[in-house]
């Protein structure tokens, strides 16, 4: 079917273009040394160029089917973009807790002494650890207590407190589980958090095997705890 709106638009566009061409020709006739033919030629050129431009710019309606297709395509692209932006950044679906447990497992595989040396490492094993397995003694075995001050983080005051709790030997601390750490930590008062922060379990395992640490060697040389009131380093 003919588009009456488009036809009228083209007619009006060419009318405006012809009028502009005639106006230009008349103005050029007033210019000295501008001949009649040249004025008419320039006016005609302006009319043709302006007419084509006006028809192209204002009289070419967009096909409704094309408009609908373009709109649907734009909506689909926007929806796809939104969906991709909302995808989780972790494509493998690994949760933070799983990643932490995996990191602990790798550290334990590389260094067996890491196992149970921190509360996080012990809790990662969960049900594998016995409940309430800590050993508390009324007195040191054979009357000979280990020098717990060789463990960095335990000074004279903490050593006395641990003795009162029934902890006298390195192997007792070395055997602590996460639940044991939590139980003892509750009784340390102002010193709470020292067990995991200073890694007592890891140090105690070395000392229980008869090995030394850089810190324990300093204690043996008498460089630390020269007075009974010295706090843990």
Foldseek 3Di string as FASTA:
>chain_A
DDDPVLVVQLVVQLVVLLVQLVVQLVVQVPDPPRDNVNSNVSSVVSSVVSSVVSSVVPRDDDDPVVVVVVVVVVVVVVVVVVVVVPDDPPVVPQDPVNVLLVVLVVVCVVPVLSQQLALSNLCSVPPVDDAPPQDAALADVVNDFDPLLLQFLAALVNQVQSVVRRDGALVRLLPDGSNNLVVVLVSSVVSRPSSRVSSSNSQSVQVVVVHHDPSSVCVVVVVDCPDSPDGGD
